[in-house]
Amino acid sequence: MKPFQKFLLLAGILSVWLVVPGAYGGITFTTLISFNNTNGATPVANLVPGPNGNFFGTAPNGGAYSSGTIFEISPDGSFFTNFYNFSGGSNGAAPAGALVLGTDGNYYGTTYSGGMSNWGTIFQISTNGAFNQLGLLSGTNGAHPNVALVQAADGSFYGTTKYGGPYPNTTSGGTGYGVIFRITTNGAISTPVLLAGTNGAYATALARGSDGNFYGTTAWGGNTSLVPWGVGTIFKLSPDGTFTNLYKFTGGNDGGFAYANLVQGSDGNFYGAAFSGGAHSGGSLFRITPDGTFTNLYSFTDGSDGGSPYSALVQGSDGNFYGTTYSYGSRGVGTIFQMTTNGNVTPLISFTGTSGSYLGANEQGSLVQGPDGNFYGTTPNGGIYNDGTVFRLSLPLPPVFKSAINNTGTVTLVWSSVASQSYQLQYTTNLALPVWTNVGGSVPATNGTMTASDSPGTDPQRFYRVMLQ
């Protein structure tokens, strides 16, 4: 048995105890598909769960016209299709950012190039593949978007561009520091924020906070006295267009070059990753409150834990955060790790990066947890053809009791589960001298929730636990 247990006391008052081991065992890593250029290549964005149970993603290269694709893949990898092929013309090319599913049931996204003067496009695509170009970037209103859009409460979408805007940037060939733009579902584009270097440059994807504001990072800019022109910022943008720099990185122990977007945790704070800096110069993980209080949580060592985190964190159903590093680990090409909310990091796997291997390399897109409890992601390199992969990571996550209802002598218990993992419900009447009794047999989960019932009889109290087997 694996030492994951949940204890539950049912005696009028509910109490819960959790025993968590120091590291995960029994991790299963599965490559679902290796890209071969014909079906797309070099995916760098995270997957998005679709309403049909499959995942949708983007590949900026390959496909029918060598200009990138939108693809659909089932959780077990048995179904894969190029959902849409970009032609490199007016419909755009090189979709580098993730899709976002709008409240109207359509997907929205951007292309890095194509469109007007090759500055990139903004598009809408329905779940049956009907494509609609919403907007063309002109350079002045932004250029080369490479991250996901985020939908606002009013139904419009906000996004960022890597370059463009009215302020010339000689370091990037005069193409500007980037903008934060807003686009309505009928294609009207405005630019509430024009980045000028001092307030940041090269903004990443925005995160919509529970307070209605948007939060984000810039990979460059801020402290412009630092070479070459700042090492990044953290900012807040209100729906009325008020822009506030919450923090400016120094490149020291706090980190620098935050290419990854923020994610809001269940505690209301935002968590993120810096590509470089930290105590060991291998990058860092941090927390920042909505009012700007910054805390460095972890510094990568460029060792077995990995180095140079490039992608956003994701909070799992167990409350921990999961993420990836771009480099190092046992093979030098990145890791997948777990981080607790207080900054304890556990490496889970190291990528191999060998062409022809079934493991990917240099993970850039963030992980996403599916309804089955597994984590899914993409790599831009590695796989059989070295054109990248889609993978699934299955962890023996500790079960979490959701509810316990005592109804006329029958106790119904519900706990979280991971598909294909087996669970055994047990009880005891005395924790001081525990003798655990099985309730039924071990049962494999088919989805993210399991339910079982028990009849306590005349026992004055029963303690329940779930064993992951």
Protein backbone atom coordinates (compact mmCIF):
# COMPACT_ATOMS: atom_id res chain seq x y z
CA MET A 1 0.00 0.00 0.00
CA LYS A 2 1.11 3.54 -0.66
CA PRO A 3 1.10 5.76 2.47
CA PHE A 4 -1.64 8.16 1.39
CA GLN A 5 -4.42 8.27 3.94
CA LYS A 6 -7.36 10.44 4.85
CA PHE A 7 -8.89 10.07 8.31
CA LEU A 8 -12.44 11.08 9.00
CA LEU A 9 -14.24 11.03 12.35
CA LEU A 10 -18.00 10.77 12.26
CA ALA A 11 -19.45 11.47 15.71
CA GLY A 12 -21.48 14.62 15.31
CA ILE A 13 -18.37 16.76 14.66
CA LEU A 14 -16.25 16.24 11.55
CA SER A 15 -12.46 16.22 11.84
CA VAL A 16 -9.94 15.50 9.08
CA TRP A 17 -6.27 14.50 9.26
CA LEU A 18 -3.92 13.99 6.32
CA VAL A 19 -0.64 12.06 6.21
CA VAL A 20 1.54 13.19 3.29
CA PRO A 21 4.81 11.44 2.33
CA GLY A 22 7.99 13.31 1.50
CA ALA A 23 8.01 12.40 -2.19
CA TYR A 24 5.78 10.82 -4.77
CA GLY A 25 6.16 7.26 -5.90
CA GLY A 26 4.36 5.40 -8.64
CA ILE A 27 4.46 8.31 -11.09
CA THR A 28 3.33 7.39 -14.59
CA PHE A 29 4.53 9.50 -17.54
CA THR A 30 2.90 8.80 -20.89
CA THR A 31 3.68 10.38 -24.25
CA LEU A 32 0.30 10.65 -25.99
CA ILE A 33 1.67 11.80 -29.35
CA SER A 34 4.95 12.80 -30.96
CA PHE A 35 4.63 15.58 -33.53
CA ASN A 36 6.13 14.89 -36.96
CA ASN A 37 5.74 18.29 -38.67
CA THR A 38 2.91 17.02 -40.87
CA ASN A 39 0.57 17.02 -37.88
CA GLY A 40 2.20 20.15 -36.41
CA ALA A 41 5.46 20.93 -34.66
CA THR A 42 7.00 22.64 -31.62
CA PRO A 43 3.94 23.30 -29.41
CA VAL A 44 4.82 25.88 -26.74
CA ALA A 45 1.43 26.61 -25.15
CA ASN A 46 -0.68 24.75 -22.63
CA LEU A 47 -3.64 22.60 -23.58
CA VAL A 48 -7.25 23.65 -22.95
CA PRO A 49 -9.95 21.18 -21.87
CA GLY A 50 -12.85 21.15 -24.32
CA PRO A 51 -16.56 20.63 -23.64
CA ASN A 52 -16.39 17.22 -25.35
CA GLY A 53 -13.76 15.90 -22.89
CA ASN A 54 -10.83 16.27 -25.30
CA PHE A 55 -8.00 18.81 -25.14
CA PHE A 56 -7.33 21.56 -27.69
CA GLY A 57 -3.90 23.05 -28.33
CA THR A 58 -1.78 25.04 -30.77
CA ALA A 59 1.41 24.24 -32.64
CA PRO A 60 3.17 27.26 -34.21
CA ASN A 61 4.91 25.22 -36.90
CA GLY A 62 4.13 22.40 -39.28
CA GLY A 63 0.72 21.38 -40.53
CA ALA A 64 -0.71 21.37 -44.04
CA TYR A 65 0.79 24.78 -44.93
CA SER A 66 3.80 24.79 -42.57
CA SER A 67 2.28 27.74 -40.70
CA GLY A 68 0.99 26.03 -37.60
CA THR A 69 -2.13 24.22 -36.44
CA ILE A 70 -4.86 23.95 -33.88
CA PHE A 71 -5.14 20.33 -32.78
CA GLU A 72 -7.53 18.19 -30.74
CA ILE A 73 -6.45 15.18 -28.71
CA SER A 74 -8.27 12.76 -26.41
CA PRO A 75 -6.99 12.19 -22.84
CA ASP A 76 -5.68 8.74 -23.76
CA GLY A 77 -4.13 9.86 -27.08
CA SER A 78 -6.21 7.45 -29.15
CA PHE A 79 -7.82 10.35 -31.04
CA PHE A 80 -5.83 13.17 -32.64
CA THR A 81 -6.74 15.55 -35.42
CA ASN A 82 -5.51 18.80 -36.91
CA PHE A 83 -8.56 20.82 -35.99
CA TYR A 84 -7.41 23.79 -38.12
CA ASN A 85 -4.41 24.56 -40.37
CA PHE A 86 -3.12 28.11 -40.70
CA SER A 87 -2.08 29.17 -44.19
CA GLY A 88 0.33 31.96 -43.29
CA GLY A 89 -1.71 34.67 -45.03
CA SER A 90 -4.61 36.75 -43.80
CA ASN A 91 -5.70 34.09 -41.30
CA GLY A 92 -2.30 34.28 -39.61
CA ALA A 93 0.65 32.03 -38.92
CA ALA A 94 2.51 30.61 -35.93
CA PRO A 95 -0.17 30.36 -33.20
CA ALA A 96 2.16 30.39 -30.18
CA GLY A 97 -0.33 31.19 -27.41
CA ALA A 98 -2.89 28.90 -25.84
CA LEU A 99 -6.55 29.04 -26.77
CA VAL A 100 -9.19 30.30 -24.34
CA LEU A 101 -12.77 29.05 -24.30
CA GLY A 102 -15.11 32.05 -24.24
CA THR A 103 -18.42 32.25 -22.42
CA ASP A 104 -20.14 32.03 -25.83
CA GLY A 105 -18.71 28.54 -26.39
CA ASN A 106 -16.16 29.62 -29.02
CA TYR A 107 -12.37 29.48 -28.75
CA TYR A 108 -10.27 32.64 -29.04
CA GLY A 109 -6.57 32.99 -29.76
CA THR A 110 -3.77 34.83 -31.54
CA THR A 111 -1.10 34.18 -34.14
CA TYR A 112 2.44 35.49 -33.78
CA SER A 113 2.70 36.48 -37.44
CA GLY A 114 0.66 36.71 -40.62
CA GLY A 115 -2.11 39.19 -41.22
CA MET A 116 -1.30 42.88 -41.78
CA SER A 117 2.42 43.35 -42.52
CA ASN A 118 3.06 40.06 -40.73
CA TRP A 119 2.41 41.55 -37.24
CA GLY A 120 -0.04 38.86 -36.17
CA THR A 121 -3.78 38.31 -35.84
CA ILE A 122 -6.57 37.69 -33.32
CA PHE A 123 -9.13 35.02 -34.17
CA GLN A 124 -12.25 33.18 -33.09
CA ILE A 125 -12.95 29.55 -33.93
CA SER A 126 -16.05 27.54 -33.11
CA THR A 127 -16.01 24.04 -31.70
CA ASN A 128 -16.96 22.72 -35.14
CA GLY A 129 -14.01 24.50 -36.81
CA ALA A 130 -15.65 27.63 -38.27
CA PHE A 131 -12.84 30.24 -38.34
CA ASN A 132 -13.38 33.99 -37.97
CA GLN A 133 -10.59 36.56 -38.04
CA LEU A 134 -11.42 39.16 -35.39
CA GLY A 135 -8.54 41.59 -35.64
CA LEU A 136 -5.30 42.45 -37.42
CA LEU A 137 -2.38 43.94 -35.52
CA SER A 138 -0.72 46.88 -37.19
CA GLY A 139 2.47 47.34 -35.18
CA THR A 140 1.29 50.54 -33.52
CA ASN A 141 -1.50 48.68 -31.71
CA GLY A 142 0.83 45.76 -31.00
CA ALA A 143 2.93 43.19 -32.78
CA HIS A 144 3.64 39.48 -32.39
CA PRO A 145 1.32 38.22 -29.64
CA ASN A 146 2.55 34.91 -28.25
CA VAL A 147 0.43 34.23 -25.14
CA ALA A 148 -3.20 33.45 -24.36
CA LEU A 149 -6.05 35.94 -24.16
CA VAL A 150 -8.15 36.32 -21.02
CA GLN A 151 -11.85 37.19 -20.98
CA ALA A 152 -13.14 40.11 -18.91
CA ALA A 153 -16.44 40.32 -17.05
CA ASP A 154 -17.93 42.39 -19.90
CA GLY A 155 -17.21 39.64 -22.44
CA SER A 156 -14.28 41.38 -24.14
CA PHE A 157 -10.79 39.87 -24.25
CA TYR A 158 -7.49 41.27 -23.04
CA GLY A 159 -4.12 40.25 -24.41
CA THR A 160 -0.50 41.29 -24.68
CA THR A 161 2.02 41.55 -27.49
CA LYS A 162 5.72 40.86 -27.35
CA TYR A 163 6.57 43.91 -29.47
CA GLY A 164 4.86 46.90 -31.06
CA GLY A 165 3.45 50.11 -29.69
CA PRO A 166 4.51 53.73 -30.27
CA TYR A 167 7.73 53.66 -28.24
CA PRO A 168 10.78 52.58 -30.28
CA ASN A 169 13.05 50.01 -28.71
CA THR A 170 16.48 49.97 -30.26
CA THR A 171 17.39 46.72 -28.51
CA SER A 172 14.67 44.85 -30.39
CA GLY A 173 15.30 46.58 -33.69
CA GLY A 174 12.91 49.47 -33.05
CA THR A 175 9.81 47.29 -32.88
CA GLY A 176 8.57 48.61 -29.54
CA TYR A 177 8.18 47.31 -26.00
CA GLY A 178 4.74 45.78 -26.55
CA VAL A 179 1.20 46.69 -25.51
CA ILE A 180 -1.74 45.40 -23.53
CA PHE A 181 -4.75 45.40 -25.84
CA ARG A 182 -8.49 44.87 -25.52
CA ILE A 183 -10.66 43.40 -28.26
CA THR A 184 -14.43 42.98 -28.30
CA THR A 185 -16.18 39.99 -29.84
CA ASN A 186 -17.04 42.18 -32.85
CA GLY A 187 -13.35 42.99 -33.44
CA ALA A 188 -12.93 46.51 -32.01
CA ILE A 189 -9.33 46.84 -30.75
CA SER A 190 -8.06 49.38 -28.19
CA THR A 191 -4.77 49.64 -26.29
CA PRO A 192 -5.31 50.60 -22.63
CA VAL A 193 -1.59 50.18 -21.85
CA LEU A 194 1.41 51.11 -23.99
CA LEU A 195 4.59 49.67 -22.51
CA ALA A 196 7.55 52.02 -22.57
CA GLY A 197 10.32 50.11 -20.81
CA THR A 198 10.16 51.88 -17.47
CA ASN A 199 6.73 50.38 -16.79
CA GLY A 200 7.75 47.03 -18.28
CA ALA A 201 8.39 45.39 -21.62
CA TYR A 202 7.38 42.11 -23.26
CA ALA A 203 4.30 41.36 -21.14
CA THR A 204 3.16 37.79 -20.58
CA ALA A 205 -0.41 36.52 -20.38
CA LEU A 206 -2.76 38.26 -17.97
CA ALA A 207 -4.50 36.57 -15.04
CA ARG A 208 -7.94 37.80 -14.07
CA GLY A 209 -8.06 38.12 -10.30
CA SER A 210 -11.02 37.41 -8.06
CA ASP A 211 -11.23 41.19 -7.44
CA GLY A 212 -11.91 41.84 -11.15
CA ASN A 213 -8.46 43.31 -11.84
CA PHE A 214 -5.88 41.81 -14.20
CA TYR A 215 -2.44 40.82 -12.97
CA GLY A 216 0.63 40.01 -15.01
CA THR A 217 4.38 40.09 -15.46
CA THR A 218 6.73 41.61 -17.97
CA ALA A 219 9.85 39.68 -18.87
CA TRP A 220 11.87 42.87 -19.39
CA GLY A 221 11.77 46.53 -18.38
CA GLY A 222 11.20 48.06 -14.99
CA ASN A 223 14.57 48.88 -13.43
CA THR A 224 16.03 50.31 -16.64
CA SER A 225 19.38 50.92 -14.97
CA LEU A 226 19.94 47.17 -15.16
CA VAL A 227 21.52 45.72 -18.28
CA PRO A 228 20.20 45.70 -20.92
CA TRP A 229 16.94 47.50 -20.05
CA GLY A 230 15.47 45.98 -16.92
CA VAL A 231 14.76 42.43 -15.82
CA GLY A 232 10.99 42.51 -15.51
CA THR A 233 8.03 43.67 -13.45
CA ILE A 234 4.77 42.54 -11.86
CA PHE A 235 1.75 44.76 -12.52
CA LYS A 236 -1.97 45.22 -11.94
CA LEU A 237 -4.44 46.57 -14.49
CA SER A 238 -7.94 47.62 -13.46
CA PRO A 239 -10.87 47.35 -15.90
CA ASP A 240 -10.92 51.18 -16.16
CA GLY A 241 -7.36 51.11 -17.54
CA THR A 242 -5.43 52.10 -14.41
CA PHE A 243 -1.99 50.49 -14.61
CA THR A 244 0.11 49.93 -11.47
CA ASN A 245 3.58 48.46 -11.15
CA LEU A 246 3.42 46.24 -8.05
CA TYR A 247 7.04 45.06 -8.13
CA LYS A 248 10.22 45.51 -10.16
CA PHE A 249 12.68 42.60 -10.23
CA THR A 250 16.33 43.19 -9.42
CA GLY A 251 17.80 40.05 -10.96
CA GLY A 252 19.18 39.03 -7.56
CA ASN A 253 17.69 36.61 -5.06
CA ASP A 254 14.20 37.72 -6.12
CA GLY A 255 14.80 36.52 -9.67
CA GLY A 256 14.48 38.14 -13.05
CA PHE A 257 12.96 37.74 -16.52
CA ALA A 258 9.54 36.38 -15.54
CA TYR A 259 8.43 34.84 -18.84
CA ALA A 260 5.67 32.91 -17.07
CA ASN A 261 2.27 34.41 -16.35
CA LEU A 262 0.86 34.53 -12.82
CA VAL A 263 -1.75 32.20 -11.36
CA GLN A 264 -4.03 33.09 -8.45
CA GLY A 265 -3.99 30.54 -5.67
CA SER A 266 -6.90 29.47 -3.51
CA ASP A 267 -5.50 31.77 -0.80
CA GLY A 268 -6.05 34.83 -3.02
CA ASN A 269 -2.34 35.44 -3.62
CA PHE A 270 -0.58 35.17 -6.98
CA TYR A 271 2.22 32.70 -7.70
CA GLY A 272 4.79 32.86 -10.46
CA ALA A 273 8.22 31.91 -11.75
CA ALA A 274 11.31 33.89 -12.77
CA PHE A 275 13.53 32.44 -15.50
CA SER A 276 16.83 33.55 -13.96
CA GLY A 277 18.24 34.99 -10.76
CA GLY A 278 17.46 33.53 -7.38
CA ALA A 279 19.99 32.47 -4.76
CA HIS A 280 21.70 30.05 -7.20
CA SER A 281 21.10 31.95 -10.47
CA GLY A 282 18.85 29.12 -11.69
CA GLY A 283 15.57 30.98 -11.47
CA SER A 284 13.03 31.29 -8.69
CA LEU A 285 9.43 30.74 -7.62
CA PHE A 286 7.60 33.54 -5.84
CA ARG A 287 4.35 34.72 -4.29
CA ILE A 288 2.92 38.23 -4.44
CA THR A 289 -0.19 39.58 -2.74
CA PRO A 290 -2.69 41.70 -4.70
CA ASP A 291 -1.28 44.80 -2.97
CA GLY A 292 2.32 44.00 -3.96
CA THR A 293 3.94 42.21 -0.99
CA PHE A 294 6.59 39.98 -2.63
CA THR A 295 8.02 36.74 -1.20
CA ASN A 296 10.68 34.56 -2.81
CA LEU A 297 9.60 30.96 -2.15
CA TYR A 298 12.26 28.85 -3.83
CA SER A 299 15.50 29.20 -5.78
CA PHE A 300 16.43 26.52 -8.31
CA THR A 301 19.92 25.05 -8.08
CA ASP A 302 20.42 24.06 -11.74
CA GLY A 303 20.68 20.50 -10.43
CA SER A 304 18.24 17.62 -10.11
CA ASP A 305 15.48 20.10 -9.28
CA GLY A 306 15.90 21.79 -12.66
CA GLY A 307 16.58 25.35 -13.67
CA SER A 308 15.16 28.28 -15.62
CA PRO A 309 11.39 27.88 -15.10
CA TYR A 310 9.73 29.20 -18.25
CA SER A 311 6.08 28.30 -17.79
CA ALA A 312 3.30 29.20 -15.37
CA LEU A 313 2.43 27.22 -12.29
CA VAL A 314 -0.91 25.47 -11.91
CA GLN A 315 -2.59 24.68 -8.59
CA GLY A 316 -3.69 21.08 -8.35
CA SER A 317 -6.78 19.71 -6.68
CA ASP A 318 -4.57 18.75 -3.73
CA GLY A 319 -3.69 22.42 -3.10
CA ASN A 320 -0.08 22.11 -4.25
CA PHE A 321 1.38 23.88 -7.27
CA TYR A 322 2.87 22.05 -10.25
CA GLY A 323 5.25 23.43 -12.83
CA THR A 324 8.13 22.77 -15.18
CA THR A 325 11.66 23.96 -15.76
CA TYR A 326 13.23 24.66 -19.12
CA SER A 327 16.59 23.10 -18.33
CA TYR A 328 18.69 20.90 -16.01
CA GLY A 329 17.37 17.87 -14.18
CA SER A 330 19.08 14.51 -14.70
CA ARG A 331 19.41 15.00 -18.49
CA GLY A 332 19.80 18.76 -18.68
CA VAL A 333 16.55 19.41 -20.55
CA GLY A 334 14.04 20.18 -17.83
CA THR A 335 11.90 18.77 -15.06
CA ILE A 336 8.36 18.63 -13.74
CA PHE A 337 8.09 19.58 -10.06
CA GLN A 338 5.63 20.03 -7.23
CA MET A 339 5.68 23.01 -4.86
CA THR A 340 3.75 23.40 -1.61
CA THR A 341 2.30 26.80 -0.76
CA ASN A 342 5.22 27.48 1.60
CA GLY A 343 7.83 26.80 -1.08
CA ASN A 344 8.92 23.17 -0.57
CA VAL A 345 9.82 21.79 -4.00
CA THR A 346 9.88 18.12 -5.00
CA PRO A 347 11.17 17.12 -8.47
CA LEU A 348 8.79 14.58 -10.02
CA ILE A 349 10.42 13.64 -13.34
CA SER A 350 13.29 14.72 -15.59
CA PHE A 351 12.81 14.93 -19.34
CA THR A 352 15.28 13.02 -21.51
CA GLY A 353 15.22 15.11 -24.69
CA THR A 354 16.67 12.34 -26.84
CA SER A 355 15.31 12.32 -30.38
CA GLY A 356 13.43 9.07 -30.74
CA SER A 357 12.65 8.96 -27.05
CA TYR A 358 9.07 9.02 -25.85
CA LEU A 359 9.81 11.86 -23.45
CA GLY A 360 9.69 15.48 -24.52
CA ALA A 361 12.17 18.21 -23.70
CA ASN A 362 12.29 21.85 -22.67
CA GLU A 363 8.73 22.22 -21.43
CA GLN A 364 7.46 25.78 -21.98
CA GLY A 365 3.68 25.57 -21.87
CA SER A 366 2.15 25.21 -18.43
CA LEU A 367 0.54 22.03 -17.20
CA VAL A 368 -3.23 21.64 -16.99
CA GLN A 369 -5.07 19.24 -14.69
CA GLY A 370 -7.83 17.30 -16.40
CA PRO A 371 -11.16 16.23 -14.90
CA ASP A 372 -9.58 12.79 -14.35
CA GLY A 373 -6.99 14.29 -11.97
CA ASN A 374 -4.05 13.74 -14.34
CA PHE A 375 -1.82 16.53 -15.60
CA TYR A 376 -1.37 17.20 -19.32
CA GLY A 377 1.21 19.27 -21.16
CA THR A 378 3.27 19.84 -24.30
CA THR A 379 6.95 20.05 -25.12
CA PRO A 380 8.37 21.94 -28.13
CA ASN A 381 11.24 19.48 -28.58
CA GLY A 382 11.90 15.79 -28.08
CA GLY A 383 9.70 12.90 -28.98
CA ILE A 384 10.27 10.44 -31.79
CA TYR A 385 10.84 13.12 -34.44
CA ASN A 386 12.18 15.86 -32.16
CA ASP A 387 9.21 18.05 -33.10
CA GLY A 388 7.66 17.97 -29.65
CA THR A 389 5.07 15.95 -27.76
CA VAL A 390 1.81 15.93 -25.86
CA PHE A 391 2.10 14.04 -22.58
CA ARG A 392 0.12 12.93 -19.54
CA LEU A 393 1.49 12.80 -16.00
CA SER A 394 -0.37 10.60 -13.49
CA LEU A 395 0.38 11.07 -9.81
CA PRO A 396 -0.86 9.07 -6.84
CA LEU A 397 -2.58 12.14 -5.42
CA PRO A 398 -3.78 11.77 -1.83
CA PRO A 399 -7.56 11.42 -1.68
CA VAL A 400 -9.46 14.32 -0.15
CA PHE A 401 -12.82 13.77 1.53
CA LYS A 402 -15.47 15.99 -0.03
CA SER A 403 -18.42 15.08 2.20
CA ALA A 404 -19.74 12.58 4.73
CA ILE A 405 -23.50 12.30 5.32
CA ASN A 406 -25.10 10.11 8.00
CA ASN A 407 -28.65 9.37 6.95
CA THR A 408 -30.74 6.98 9.08
CA GLY A 409 -27.83 4.71 9.91
CA THR A 410 -26.09 4.77 6.53
CA VAL A 411 -22.94 6.86 6.08
CA THR A 412 -22.22 8.05 2.53
CA LEU A 413 -18.66 9.27 1.94
CA VAL A 414 -17.34 11.09 -1.12
CA TRP A 415 -13.64 11.69 -1.85
CA SER A 416 -11.46 12.91 -4.70
CA SER A 417 -9.81 10.31 -6.90
CA VAL A 418 -7.68 9.82 -9.99
CA ALA A 419 -8.95 7.64 -12.82
CA SER A 420 -7.40 4.13 -12.92
CA GLN A 421 -6.05 4.36 -9.36
CA SER A 422 -7.58 1.99 -6.77
CA TYR A 423 -8.89 3.00 -3.34
CA GLN A 424 -9.81 1.07 -0.20
CA LEU A 425 -12.18 2.57 2.38
CA GLN A 426 -11.52 1.44 5.95
CA TYR A 427 -12.80 2.23 9.44
CA THR A 428 -11.80 1.83 13.07
CA THR A 429 -13.65 2.62 16.31
CA ASN A 430 -10.54 3.58 18.30
CA LEU A 431 -7.51 5.53 17.07
CA ALA A 432 -5.57 4.73 20.24
CA LEU A 433 -5.58 1.02 19.36
CA PRO A 434 -6.43 1.10 15.67
CA VAL A 435 -7.61 -2.06 14.04
CA TRP A 436 -8.67 -1.10 10.56
CA THR A 437 -11.50 -2.94 8.85
CA ASN A 438 -12.14 -2.83 5.13
CA VAL A 439 -15.46 -1.49 3.90
CA GLY A 440 -16.02 -3.60 0.81
CA GLY A 441 -13.09 -4.25 -1.50
CA SER A 442 -10.53 -2.15 -3.32
CA VAL A 443 -12.21 -0.27 -6.17
CA PRO A 444 -10.55 1.42 -9.20
CA ALA A 445 -11.66 4.97 -9.92
CA THR A 446 -13.17 5.87 -13.29
CA ASN A 447 -13.19 9.66 -12.81
CA GLY A 448 -12.27 12.37 -10.31
CA THR A 449 -14.75 11.43 -7.56
CA MET A 450 -15.58 8.23 -5.68
CA THR A 451 -18.51 7.39 -3.40
CA ALA A 452 -18.99 4.60 -0.87
CA SER A 453 -21.50 3.78 1.85
CA ASP A 454 -21.20 2.08 5.25
CA SER A 455 -23.56 1.11 8.06
CA PRO A 456 -21.95 1.89 11.47
CA GLY A 457 -24.55 -0.17 13.34
CA THR A 458 -24.39 0.38 17.11
CA ASP A 459 -20.84 1.80 17.15
CA PRO A 460 -20.84 5.14 19.04
CA GLN A 461 -18.19 6.48 16.66
CA ARG A 462 -16.20 5.44 13.62
CA PHE A 463 -13.04 6.84 12.10
CA TYR A 464 -12.73 6.43 8.34
CA ARG A 465 -9.70 6.51 6.09
CA VAL A 466 -9.09 5.96 2.39
CA MET A 467 -6.02 4.04 1.32
CA LEU A 468 -4.54 4.57 -2.14
CA GLN A 469 -3.39 1.14 -3.29
